[in-house]
């Protein structure tokens, strides 16, 4: 993995390096679209690229330079992936019950 990425970087193929980084780090994500509009590149990464765009939650990045647009989308996808892990980790944990339990209700 690292040797492949090193060879791509040595060849100054920055767009290929950014796409390879997505393949190495974000296994469930893929490029949905790369579009140049008004001189600015837009990159969308998606977990489900077969879904219609209005139903999907893609990670998007834009920049004048294509590799930087891809890296911005990469960072957004990493944040979205980390956000799903934080939700699962925020479930409160149940504390063990104490050895002695006292009932203070007056039922008489």
PDB file of N, CA and C in Angstrom:
ATOM      1  N   UNK A   1       0.822  -1.184   0.000  1.00  0.00           N
ATOM      2  CA  UNK A   1       0.000   0.000   0.000  1.00  0.00           C
ATOM      3  C   UNK A   1       0.876   1.262   0.000  1.00  0.00           C
ATOM      4  N   UNK A   2       1.786   1.347   0.953  1.00  0.00           N
ATOM      5  CA  UNK A   2       2.617   2.544   1.063  1.00  0.00           C
ATOM      6  C   UNK A   2       3.559   2.675  -0.127  1.00  0.00           C
ATOM      7  N   UNK A   3       4.071   1.552  -0.612  1.00  0.00           N
ATOM      8  CA  UNK A   3       4.986   1.635  -1.754  1.00  0.00           C
ATOM      9  C   UNK A   3       4.248   2.087  -3.011  1.00  0.00           C
ATOM     10  N   UNK A   4       3.014   1.643  -3.177  1.00  0.00           N
ATOM     11  CA  UNK A   4       2.224   2.082  -4.333  1.00  0.00           C
ATOM     12  C   UNK A   4       1.976   3.578  -4.265  1.00  0.00           C
ATOM     13  N   UNK A   5       1.584   4.050  -3.105  1.00  0.00           N
ATOM     14  CA  UNK A   5       1.322   5.480  -2.928  1.00  0.00           C
ATOM     15  C   UNK A   5       2.608   6.286  -3.081  1.00  0.00           C
ATOM     16  N   UNK A   6       3.706   5.771  -2.586  1.00  0.00           N
ATOM     17  CA  UNK A   6       4.996   6.463  -2.745  1.00  0.00           C
ATOM     18  C   UNK A   6       5.375   6.601  -4.220  1.00  0.00           C
ATOM     19  N   UNK A   7       5.161   5.544  -4.993  1.00  0.00           N
ATOM     20  CA  UNK A   7       5.495   5.606  -6.424  1.00  0.00           C
ATOM     21  C   UNK A   7       4.607   6.622  -7.143  1.00  0.00           C
ATOM     22  N   UNK A   8       3.340   6.683  -6.768  1.00  0.00           N
ATOM     23  CA  UNK A   8       2.434   7.650  -7.395  1.00  0.00           C
ATOM     24  C   UNK A   8       2.868   9.073  -7.065  1.00  0.00           C
ATOM     25  N   UNK A   9       3.251   9.311  -5.814  1.00  0.00           N
ATOM     26  CA  UNK A   9       3.683  10.646  -5.393  1.00  0.00           C
ATOM     27  C   UNK A   9       4.988  11.031  -6.084  1.00  0.00           C
ATOM     28  N   UNK A  10       5.918  10.082  -6.206  1.00  0.00           N
ATOM     29  CA  UNK A  10       7.182  10.364  -6.886  1.00  0.00           C
ATOM     30  C   UNK A  10       6.964  10.745  -8.352  1.00  0.00           C
ATOM     31  N   UNK A  11       5.902  10.233  -8.944  1.00  0.00           N
ATOM     32  CA  UNK A  11       5.593  10.554 -10.335  1.00  0.00           C
ATOM     33  C   UNK A  11       4.836  11.876 -10.461  1.00  0.00           C
ATOM     34  N   UNK A  12       4.612  12.551  -9.355  1.00  0.00           N
ATOM     35  CA  UNK A  12       3.852  13.813  -9.314  1.00  0.00           C
ATOM     36  C   UNK A  12       2.437  13.653  -9.858  1.00  0.00           C
ATOM     37  N   UNK A  13       1.859  12.491  -9.645  1.00  0.00           N
ATOM     38  CA  UNK A  13       0.485  12.228 -10.067  1.00  0.00           C
ATOM     39  C   UNK A  13      -0.430  12.460  -8.865  1.00  0.00           C
ATOM     40  N   UNK A  14      -0.668  13.728  -8.543  1.00  0.00           N
ATOM     41  CA  UNK A  14      -1.367  14.086  -7.313  1.00  0.00           C
ATOM     42  C   UNK A  14      -2.838  13.682  -7.331  1.00  0.00           C
ATOM     43  N   UNK A  15      -3.482  13.755  -8.480  1.00  0.00           N
ATOM     44  CA  UNK A  15      -4.876  13.327  -8.572  1.00  0.00           C
ATOM     45  C   UNK A  15      -4.977  11.826  -8.326  1.00  0.00           C
ATOM     46  N   UNK A  16      -4.090  11.066  -8.932  1.00  0.00           N
ATOM     47  CA  UNK A  16      -4.075   9.622  -8.705  1.00  0.00           C
ATOM     48  C   UNK A  16      -3.757   9.290  -7.254  1.00  0.00           C
ATOM     49  N   UNK A  17      -2.872  10.061  -6.646  1.00  0.00           N
ATOM     50  CA  UNK A  17      -2.526   9.834  -5.236  1.00  0.00           C
ATOM     51  C   UNK A  17      -3.725  10.092  -4.333  1.00  0.00           C
ATOM     52  N   UNK A  18      -4.485  11.154  -4.611  1.00  0.00           N
ATOM     53  CA  UNK A  18      -5.665  11.457  -3.793  1.00  0.00           C
ATOM     54  C   UNK A  18      -6.718  10.368  -3.939  1.00  0.00           C
ATOM     55  N   UNK A  19      -6.927   9.876  -5.156  1.00  0.00           N
ATOM     56  CA  UNK A  19      -7.908   8.805  -5.369  1.00  0.00           C
ATOM     57  C   UNK A  19      -7.427   7.499  -4.740  1.00  0.00           C
ATOM     58  N   UNK A  20      -6.130   7.217  -4.819  1.00  0.00           N
ATOM     59  CA  UNK A  20      -5.584   6.019  -4.177  1.00  0.00           C
ATOM     60  C   UNK A  20      -5.730   6.092  -2.667  1.00  0.00           C
ATOM     61  N   UNK A  21      -5.573   7.277  -2.097  1.00  0.00           N
ATOM     62  CA  UNK A  21      -5.740   7.450  -0.654  1.00  0.00           C
ATOM     63  C   UNK A  21      -7.165   7.114  -0.235  1.00  0.00           C
ATOM     64  N   UNK A  22      -8.130   7.512  -1.028  1.00  0.00           N
ATOM     65  CA  UNK A  22      -9.524   7.170  -0.734  1.00  0.00           C
ATOM     66  C   UNK A  22      -9.699   5.650  -0.770  1.00  0.00           C
ATOM     67  N   UNK A  23      -9.109   5.008  -1.757  1.00  0.00           N
ATOM     68  CA  UNK A  23      -9.208   3.552  -1.854  1.00  0.00           C
ATOM     69  C   UNK A  23      -8.559   2.832  -0.691  1.00  0.00           C
ATOM     70  N   UNK A  24      -7.473   3.390  -0.157  1.00  0.00           N
ATOM     71  CA  UNK A  24      -6.771   2.757   0.963  1.00  0.00           C
ATOM     72  C   UNK A  24      -7.461   3.015   2.299  1.00  0.00           C
ATOM     73  N   UNK A  25      -7.935   4.225   2.503  1.00  0.00           N
ATOM     74  CA  UNK A  25      -8.433   4.634   3.813  1.00  0.00           C
ATOM     75  C   UNK A  25      -9.945   4.493   3.987  1.00  0.00           C
ATOM     76  N   UNK A  26     -10.697   4.718   2.929  1.00  0.00           N
ATOM     77  CA  UNK A  26     -12.162   4.698   3.020  1.00  0.00           C
ATOM     78  C   UNK A  26     -12.698   3.575   2.145  1.00  0.00           C
ATOM     79  N   UNK A  27     -12.750   2.385   2.706  1.00  0.00           N
ATOM     80  CA  UNK A  27     -13.110   1.219   1.913  1.00  0.00           C
ATOM     81  C   UNK A  27     -14.566   1.259   1.446  1.00  0.00           C
ATOM     82  N   UNK A  28     -15.456   1.837   2.224  1.00  0.00           N
ATOM     83  CA  UNK A  28     -16.873   1.866   1.862  1.00  0.00           C
ATOM     84  C   UNK A  28     -17.249   3.059   0.995  1.00  0.00           C
ATOM     85  N   UNK A  29     -16.322   3.940   0.707  1.00  0.00           N
ATOM     86  CA  UNK A  29     -16.607   5.156  -0.049  1.00  0.00           C
ATOM     87  C   UNK A  29     -16.046   5.037  -1.458  1.00  0.00           C
ATOM     88  N   UNK A  30     -16.718   5.688  -2.398  1.00  0.00           N
ATOM     89  CA  UNK A  30     -16.212   5.748  -3.770  1.00  0.00           C
ATOM     90  C   UNK A  30     -16.553   7.108  -4.360  1.00  0.00           C
ATOM     91  N   UNK A  31     -15.842   7.455  -5.410  1.00  0.00           N
ATOM     92  CA  UNK A  31     -16.096   8.739  -6.063  1.00  0.00           C
ATOM     93  C   UNK A  31     -17.436   8.679  -6.787  1.00  0.00           C
ATOM     94  N   UNK A  32     -18.291   9.636  -6.486  1.00  0.00           N
ATOM     95  CA  UNK A  32     -19.602   9.703  -7.130  1.00  0.00           C
ATOM     96  C   UNK A  32     -19.542  10.587  -8.366  1.00  0.00           C
ATOM     97  N   UNK A  33     -18.861  11.735  -8.228  1.00  0.00           N
ATOM     98  CA  UNK A  33     -18.704  12.616  -9.384  1.00  0.00           C
ATOM     99  C   UNK A  33     -17.530  13.562  -9.189  1.00  0.00           C
ATOM    100  N   UNK A  34     -16.914  13.911 -10.315  1.00  0.00           N
ATOM    101  CA  UNK A  34     -15.861  14.922 -10.398  1.00  0.00           C
ATOM    102  C   UNK A  34     -16.275  15.862 -11.517  1.00  0.00           C
ATOM    103  N   UNK A  35     -16.578  17.097 -11.159  1.00  0.00           N
ATOM    104  CA  UNK A  35     -17.104  18.055 -12.132  1.00  0.00           C
ATOM    105  C   UNK A  35     -16.350  19.363 -11.985  1.00  0.00           C
ATOM    106  N   UNK A  36     -16.044  19.998 -13.130  1.00  0.00           N
ATOM    107  CA  UNK A  36     -15.455  21.328 -13.117  1.00  0.00           C
ATOM    108  C   UNK A  36     -16.519  22.324 -13.556  1.00  0.00           C
ATOM    109  N   UNK A  37     -16.904  23.209 -12.641  1.00  0.00           N
ATOM    110  CA  UNK A  37     -17.919  24.226 -12.917  1.00  0.00           C
ATOM    111  C   UNK A  37     -17.329  25.602 -12.640  1.00  0.00           C
ATOM    112  N   UNK A  38     -17.332  26.446 -13.637  1.00  0.00           N
ATOM    113  CA  UNK A  38     -16.837  27.820 -13.509  1.00  0.00           C
ATOM    114  C   UNK A  38     -15.403  27.876 -12.981  1.00  0.00           C
ATOM    115  N   UNK A  39     -14.579  26.945 -13.422  1.00  0.00           N
ATOM    116  CA  UNK A  39     -13.175  26.944 -13.032  1.00  0.00           C
ATOM    117  C   UNK A  39     -12.905  26.346 -11.660  1.00  0.00           C
ATOM    118  N   UNK A  40     -13.901  25.749 -11.023  1.00  0.00           N
ATOM    119  CA  UNK A  40     -13.723  25.139  -9.710  1.00  0.00           C
ATOM    120  C   UNK A  40     -14.159  23.684  -9.775  1.00  0.00           C
ATOM    121  N   UNK A  41     -13.335  22.806  -9.220  1.00  0.00           N
ATOM    122  CA  UNK A  41     -13.626  21.387  -9.215  1.00  0.00           C
ATOM    123  C   UNK A  41     -14.524  21.037  -8.039  1.00  0.00           C
ATOM    124  N   UNK A  42     -15.475  20.150  -8.273  1.00  0.00           N
ATOM    125  CA  UNK A  42     -16.353  19.629  -7.225  1.00  0.00           C
ATOM    126  C   UNK A  42     -16.197  18.119  -7.205  1.00  0.00           C
ATOM    127  N   UNK A  43     -15.892  17.581  -6.041  1.00  0.00           N
ATOM    128  CA  UNK A  43     -15.740  16.139  -5.864  1.00  0.00           C
ATOM    129  C   UNK A  43     -16.781  15.676  -4.855  1.00  0.00           C
ATOM    130  N   UNK A  44     -17.514  14.633  -5.202  1.00  0.00           N
ATOM    131  CA  UNK A  44     -18.492  14.032  -4.299  1.00  0.00           C
ATOM    132  C   UNK A  44     -18.105  12.584  -4.067  1.00  0.00           C
ATOM    133  N   UNK A  45     -17.996  12.200  -2.800  1.00  0.00           N
ATOM    134  CA  UNK A  45     -17.739  10.817  -2.421  1.00  0.00           C
ATOM    135  C   UNK A  45     -18.997  10.270  -1.776  1.00  0.00           C
ATOM    136  N   UNK A  46     -19.286   9.016  -2.037  1.00  0.00           N
ATOM    137  CA  UNK A  46     -20.530   8.438  -1.556  1.00  0.00           C
ATOM    138  C   UNK A  46     -20.304   7.016  -1.062  1.00  0.00           C
ATOM    139  N   UNK A  47     -21.099   6.622  -0.080  1.00  0.00           N
ATOM    140  CA  UNK A  47     -21.112   5.229   0.361  1.00  0.00           C
ATOM    141  C   UNK A  47     -22.009   4.394  -0.542  1.00  0.00           C
ATOM    142  N   UNK A  48     -23.013   5.040  -1.146  1.00  0.00           N
ATOM    143  CA  UNK A  48     -23.971   4.344  -2.005  1.00  0.00           C
ATOM    144  C   UNK A  48     -24.147   5.121  -3.307  1.00  0.00           C
ATOM    145  N   UNK A  49     -23.200   4.993  -4.230  1.00  0.00           N
ATOM    146  CA  UNK A  49     -23.260   5.793  -5.450  1.00  0.00           C
ATOM    147  C   UNK A  49     -24.401   5.408  -6.394  1.00  0.00           C
ATOM    148  N   UNK A  50     -25.046   4.267  -6.174  1.00  0.00           N
ATOM    149  CA  UNK A  50     -26.148   3.866  -7.049  1.00  0.00           C
ATOM    150  C   UNK A  50     -27.458   4.575  -6.691  1.00  0.00           C
ATOM    151  N   UNK A  51     -27.532   5.163  -5.502  1.00  0.00           N
ATOM    152  CA  UNK A  51     -28.733   5.894  -5.103  1.00  0.00           C
ATOM    153  C   UNK A  51     -28.852   7.205  -5.863  1.00  0.00           C
ATOM    154  N   UNK A  52     -30.075   7.694  -6.054  1.00  0.00           N
ATOM    155  CA  UNK A  52     -30.219   9.044  -6.620  1.00  0.00           C
ATOM    156  C   UNK A  52     -29.568  10.078  -5.699  1.00  0.00           C
ATOM    157  N   UNK A  53     -29.063  11.144  -6.280  1.00  0.00           N
ATOM    158  CA  UNK A  53     -28.295  12.136  -5.514  1.00  0.00           C
ATOM    159  C   UNK A  53     -29.112  12.768  -4.398  1.00  0.00           C
ATOM    160  N   UNK A  54     -30.429  12.914  -4.585  1.00  0.00           N
ATOM    161  CA  UNK A  54     -31.243  13.553  -3.549  1.00  0.00           C
ATOM    162  C   UNK A  54     -31.498  12.630  -2.366  1.00  0.00           C
ATOM    163  N   UNK A  55     -31.246  11.348  -2.499  1.00  0.00           N
ATOM    164  CA  UNK A  55     -31.411  10.412  -1.379  1.00  0.00           C
ATOM    165  C   UNK A  55     -30.083  10.081  -0.695  1.00  0.00           C
ATOM    166  N   UNK A  56     -29.008  10.456  -1.307  1.00  0.00           N
ATOM    167  CA  UNK A  56     -27.687  10.126  -0.798  1.00  0.00           C
ATOM    168  C   UNK A  56     -27.164  11.263   0.079  1.00  0.00           C
ATOM    169  N   UNK A  57     -26.230  10.939   0.952  1.00  0.00           N
ATOM    170  CA  UNK A  57     -25.537  11.939   1.772  1.00  0.00           C
ATOM    171  C   UNK A  57     -24.059  11.901   1.410  1.00  0.00           C
ATOM    172  N   UNK A  58     -23.676  12.534   0.317  1.00  0.00           N
ATOM    173  CA  UNK A  58     -22.272  12.471  -0.090  1.00  0.00           C
ATOM    174  C   UNK A  58     -21.407  13.449   0.701  1.00  0.00           C
ATOM    175  N   UNK A  59     -20.138  13.137   0.759  1.00  0.00           N
ATOM    176  CA  UNK A  59     -19.146  14.070   1.281  1.00  0.00           C
ATOM    177  C   UNK A  59     -18.628  14.855   0.088  1.00  0.00           C
ATOM    178  N   UNK A  60     -18.642  16.177   0.190  1.00  0.00           N
ATOM    179  CA  UNK A  60     -18.268  16.999  -0.953  1.00  0.00           C
ATOM    180  C   UNK A  60     -17.111  17.922  -0.611  1.00  0.00           C
ATOM    181  N   UNK A  61     -16.316  18.178  -1.622  1.00  0.00           N
ATOM    182  CA  UNK A  61     -15.218  19.126  -1.499  1.00  0.00           C
ATOM    183  C   UNK A  61     -15.046  19.871  -2.803  1.00  0.00           C
ATOM    184  N   UNK A  62     -14.679  21.138  -2.703  1.00  0.00           N
ATOM    185  CA  UNK A  62     -14.471  21.919  -3.918  1.00  0.00           C
ATOM    186  C   UNK A  62     -13.199  22.755  -3.776  1.00  0.00           C
ATOM    187  N   UNK A  63     -12.536  22.946  -4.901  1.00  0.00           N
ATOM    188  CA  UNK A  63     -11.316  23.742  -4.938  1.00  0.00           C
ATOM    189  C   UNK A  63     -10.958  23.981  -6.396  1.00  0.00           C
ATOM    190  N   UNK A  64     -10.126  24.964  -6.643  1.00  0.00           N
ATOM    191  CA  UNK A  64      -9.668  25.259  -7.998  1.00  0.00           C
ATOM    192  C   UNK A  64      -8.755  24.146  -8.507  1.00  0.00           C
ATOM    193  N   UNK A  65      -8.015  23.511  -7.617  1.00  0.00           N
ATOM    194  CA  UNK A  65      -7.089  22.435  -7.965  1.00  0.00           C
ATOM    195  C   UNK A  65      -7.775  21.095  -7.688  1.00  0.00           C
ATOM    196  N   UNK A  66      -7.822  20.211  -8.679  1.00  0.00           N
ATOM    197  CA  UNK A  66      -8.544  18.939  -8.566  1.00  0.00           C
ATOM    198  C   UNK A  66      -8.090  18.071  -7.393  1.00  0.00           C
ATOM    199  N   UNK A  67      -6.798  17.819  -7.193  1.00  0.00           N
ATOM    200  CA  UNK A  67      -6.408  16.968  -6.062  1.00  0.00           C
ATOM    201  C   UNK A  67      -6.837  17.545  -4.706  1.00  0.00           C
ATOM    202  N   UNK A  68      -6.844  18.863  -4.581  1.00  0.00           N
ATOM    203  CA  UNK A  68      -7.274  19.464  -3.320  1.00  0.00           C
ATOM    204  C   UNK A  68      -8.780  19.346  -3.127  1.00  0.00           C
ATOM    205  N   UNK A  69      -9.548  19.380  -4.193  1.00  0.00           N
ATOM    206  CA  UNK A  69     -10.994  19.146  -4.092  1.00  0.00           C
ATOM    207  C   UNK A  69     -11.260  17.715  -3.635  1.00  0.00           C
ATOM    208  N   UNK A  70     -10.489  16.778  -4.158  1.00  0.00           N
ATOM    209  CA  UNK A  70     -10.638  15.374  -3.757  1.00  0.00           C
ATOM    210  C   UNK A  70     -10.255  15.201  -2.293  1.00  0.00           C
ATOM    211  N   UNK A  71      -9.174  15.849  -1.861  1.00  0.00           N
ATOM    212  CA  UNK A  71      -8.754  15.742  -0.460  1.00  0.00           C
ATOM    213  C   UNK A  71      -9.755  16.386   0.480  1.00  0.00           C
ATOM    214  N   UNK A  72     -10.393  17.484   0.059  1.00  0.00           N
ATOM    215  CA  UNK A  72     -11.439  18.080   0.898  1.00  0.00           C
ATOM    216  C   UNK A  72     -12.622  17.136   1.062  1.00  0.00           C
ATOM    217  N   UNK A  73     -13.012  16.470  -0.008  1.00  0.00           N
ATOM    218  CA  UNK A  73     -14.086  15.483   0.085  1.00  0.00           C
ATOM    219  C   UNK A  73     -13.663  14.304   0.956  1.00  0.00           C
ATOM    220  N   UNK A  74     -12.388  13.927   0.860  1.00  0.00           N
ATOM    221  CA  UNK A  74     -11.840  12.853   1.686  1.00  0.00           C
ATOM    222  C   UNK A  74     -11.951  13.199   3.170  1.00  0.00           C
ATOM    223  N   UNK A  75     -11.581  14.418   3.520  1.00  0.00           N
ATOM    224  CA  UNK A  75     -11.671  14.852   4.917  1.00  0.00           C
ATOM    225  C   UNK A  75     -13.133  14.859   5.377  1.00  0.00           C
ATOM    226  N   UNK A  76     -14.028  15.322   4.511  1.00  0.00           N
ATOM    227  CA  UNK A  76     -15.447  15.305   4.856  1.00  0.00           C
ATOM    228  C   UNK A  76     -15.970  13.899   5.077  1.00  0.00           C
ATOM    229  N   UNK A  77     -15.535  12.957   4.243  1.00  0.00           N
ATOM    230  CA  UNK A  77     -15.959  11.563   4.405  1.00  0.00           C
ATOM    231  C   UNK A  77     -15.408  10.969   5.690  1.00  0.00           C
ATOM    232  N   UNK A  78     -14.160  11.313   6.027  1.00  0.00           N
ATOM    233  CA  UNK A  78     -13.579  10.822   7.291  1.00  0.00           C
ATOM    234  C   UNK A  78     -14.352  11.353   8.484  1.00  0.00           C
ATOM    235  N   UNK A  79     -14.752  12.624   8.429  1.00  0.00           N
ATOM    236  CA  UNK A  79     -15.539  13.210   9.514  1.00  0.00           C
ATOM    237  C   UNK A  79     -16.908  12.552   9.619  1.00  0.00           C
ATOM    238  N   UNK A  80     -17.517  12.280   8.472  1.00  0.00           N
ATOM    239  CA  UNK A  80     -18.818  11.616   8.490  1.00  0.00           C
ATOM    240  C   UNK A  80     -18.701  10.195   9.033  1.00  0.00           C
ATOM    241  N   UNK A  81     -17.632   9.497   8.679  1.00  0.00           N
ATOM    242  CA  UNK A  81     -17.417   8.145   9.189  1.00  0.00           C
ATOM    243  C   UNK A  81     -17.134   8.172  10.683  1.00  0.00           C
ATOM    244  N   UNK A  82     -16.375   9.152  11.126  1.00  0.00           N
ATOM    245  CA  UNK A  82     -16.088   9.277  12.561  1.00  0.00           C
ATOM    246  C   UNK A  82     -17.345   9.657  13.316  1.00  0.00           C
ATOM    247  N   UNK A  83     -18.215  10.443  12.705  1.00  0.00           N
ATOM    248  CA  UNK A  83     -19.464  10.839  13.354  1.00  0.00           C
ATOM    249  C   UNK A  83     -20.361   9.652  13.630  1.00  0.00           C
ATOM    250  N   UNK A  84     -20.389   8.651  12.741  1.00  0.00           N
ATOM    251  CA  UNK A  84     -21.211   7.472  12.978  1.00  0.00           C
ATOM    252  C   UNK A  84     -20.639   6.645  14.111  1.00  0.00           C
ATOM    253  N   UNK A  85     -19.318   6.638  14.262  1.00  0.00           N
ATOM    254  CA  UNK A  85     -18.724   5.906  15.372  1.00  0.00           C
ATOM    255  C   UNK A  85     -18.986   6.608  16.691  1.00  0.00           C
ATOM    256  N   UNK A  86     -18.992   7.938  16.704  1.00  0.00           N
ATOM    257  CA  UNK A  86     -19.241   8.668  17.938  1.00  0.00           C
ATOM    258  C   UNK A  86     -20.671   8.478  18.421  1.00  0.00           C
ATOM    259  N   UNK A  87     -21.622   8.368  17.504  1.00  0.00           N
ATOM    260  CA  UNK A  87     -23.003   8.142  17.908  1.00  0.00           C
ATOM    261  C   UNK A  87     -23.119   6.805  18.612  1.00  0.00           C
ATOM    262  N   UNK A  88     -22.467   5.784  18.077  1.00  0.00           N
ATOM    263  CA  UNK A  88     -22.518   4.470  18.698  1.00  0.00           C
ATOM    264  C   UNK A  88     -21.818   4.477  20.051  1.00  0.00           C
ATOM    265  N   UNK A  89     -20.759   5.270  20.183  1.00  0.00           N
ATOM    266  CA  UNK A  89     -20.018   5.311  21.442  1.00  0.00           C
ATOM    267  C   UNK A  89     -20.705   6.179  22.483  1.00  0.00           C
ATOM    268  N   UNK A  90     -21.692   7.007  22.081  1.00  0.00           N
ATOM    269  CA  UNK A  90     -22.322   7.900  23.043  1.00  0.00           C
ATOM    270  C   UNK A  90     -23.491   7.256  23.782  1.00  0.00           C
ATOM    271  N   UNK A  91     -23.748   5.982  23.547  1.00  0.00           N
ATOM    272  CA  UNK A  91     -24.808   5.281  24.270  1.00  0.00           C
ATOM    273  C   UNK A  91     -24.361   5.151  25.716  1.00  0.00           C
ATOM    274  N   UNK A  92     -25.230   5.563  26.662  1.00  0.00           N
ATOM    275  CA  UNK A  92     -24.800   5.503  28.064  1.00  0.00           C
ATOM    276  C   UNK A  92     -24.575   4.068  28.515  1.00  0.00           C
ATOM    277  N   UNK A  93     -23.592   3.907  29.325  1.00  0.00           N
ATOM    278  CA  UNK A  93     -23.278   2.587  29.860  1.00  0.00           C
ATOM    279  C   UNK A  93     -24.038   2.372  31.161  1.00  0.00           C
ATOM    280  N   UNK A  94     -24.443   1.147  31.386  1.00  0.00           N
ATOM    281  CA  UNK A  94     -25.184   0.808  32.593  1.00  0.00           C
ATOM    282  C   UNK A  94     -24.183   0.482  33.687  1.00  0.00           C
ATOM    283  N   UNK A  95     -24.370   1.110  34.812  1.00  0.00           N
ATOM    284  CA  UNK A  95     -23.482   0.842  35.948  1.00  0.00           C
ATOM    285  C   UNK A  95     -23.928  -0.431  36.662  1.00  0.00           C
ATOM    286  N   UNK A  96     -22.992  -1.136  37.243  1.00  0.00           N
ATOM    287  CA  UNK A  96     -23.384  -2.332  37.995  1.00  0.00           C
ATOM    288  C   UNK A  96     -24.205  -1.941  39.225  1.00  0.00           C
ATOM    289  N   UNK A  97     -25.147  -2.801  39.577  1.00  0.00           N
ATOM    290  CA  UNK A  97     -25.984  -2.517  40.743  1.00  0.00           C
ATOM    291  C   UNK A  97     -25.164  -2.637  42.015  1.00  0.00           C
ATOM    292  N   UNK A  98     -25.514  -1.836  43.018  1.00  0.00           N
ATOM    293  CA  UNK A  98     -24.813  -1.981  44.299  1.00  0.00           C
ATOM    294  C   UNK A  98     -25.197  -3.299  44.962  1.00  0.00           C
ATOM    295  N   UNK A  99     -24.376  -3.728  45.905  1.00  0.00           N
ATOM    296  CA  UNK A  99     -24.616  -5.000  46.591  1.00  0.00           C
ATOM    297  C   UNK A  99     -25.903  -4.922  47.417  1.00  0.00           C
ATOM    298  N   UNK A 100     -26.144  -3.796  48.098  1.00  0.00           N
ATOM    299  CA  UNK A 100     -27.328  -3.647  48.939  1.00  0.00           C
ATOM    300  C   UNK A 100     -28.244  -2.594  48.328  1.00  0.00           C
ATOM    301  N   UNK A 101     -29.518  -2.940  48.186  1.00  0.00           N
ATOM    302  CA  UNK A 101     -30.493  -2.022  47.645  1.00  0.00           C
ATOM    303  C   UNK A 101     -31.516  -1.762  48.742  1.00  0.00           C
ATOM    304  N   UNK A 102     -31.770  -0.481  49.023  1.00  0.00           N
ATOM    305  CA  UNK A 102     -32.739  -0.097  50.043  1.00  0.00           C
ATOM    306  C   UNK A 102     -33.942   0.534  49.379  1.00  0.00           C
ATOM    307  N   UNK A 103     -35.133   0.197  49.870  1.00  0.00           N
ATOM    308  CA  UNK A 103     -36.355   0.799  49.372  1.00  0.00           C
ATOM    309  C   UNK A 103     -36.828   1.793  50.433  1.00  0.00           C
ATOM    310  N   UNK A 104     -37.002   3.032  50.024  1.00  0.00           N
ATOM    311  CA  UNK A 104     -37.361   4.084  50.970  1.00  0.00           C
ATOM    312  C   UNK A 104     -38.827   4.491  50.844  1.00  0.00           C
ATOM    313  N   UNK A 105     -39.634   3.755  50.073  1.00  0.00           N
ATOM    314  CA  UNK A 105     -41.041   4.096  49.925  1.00  0.00           C
ATOM    315  C   UNK A 105     -41.827   3.640  51.151  1.00  0.00           C
ATOM    316  N   UNK A 106     -42.793   4.440  51.558  1.00  0.00           N
ATOM    317  CA  UNK A 106     -43.680   4.083  52.665  1.00  0.00           C
ATOM    318  C   UNK A 106     -44.951   3.514  52.048  1.00  0.00           C
ATOM    319  N   UNK A 107     -45.088   2.205  52.030  1.00  0.00           N
ATOM    320  CA  UNK A 107     -46.206   1.531  51.390  1.00  0.00           C
ATOM    321  C   UNK A 107     -47.342   1.231  52.372  1.00  0.00           C
ATOM    322  N   UNK A 108     -47.277   1.669  53.625  1.00  0.00           N
ATOM    323  CA  UNK A 108     -48.311   1.364  54.603  1.00  0.00           C
ATOM    324  C   UNK A 108     -49.445   2.338  54.585  1.00  0.00           C
TER     325      UNK A 108
END
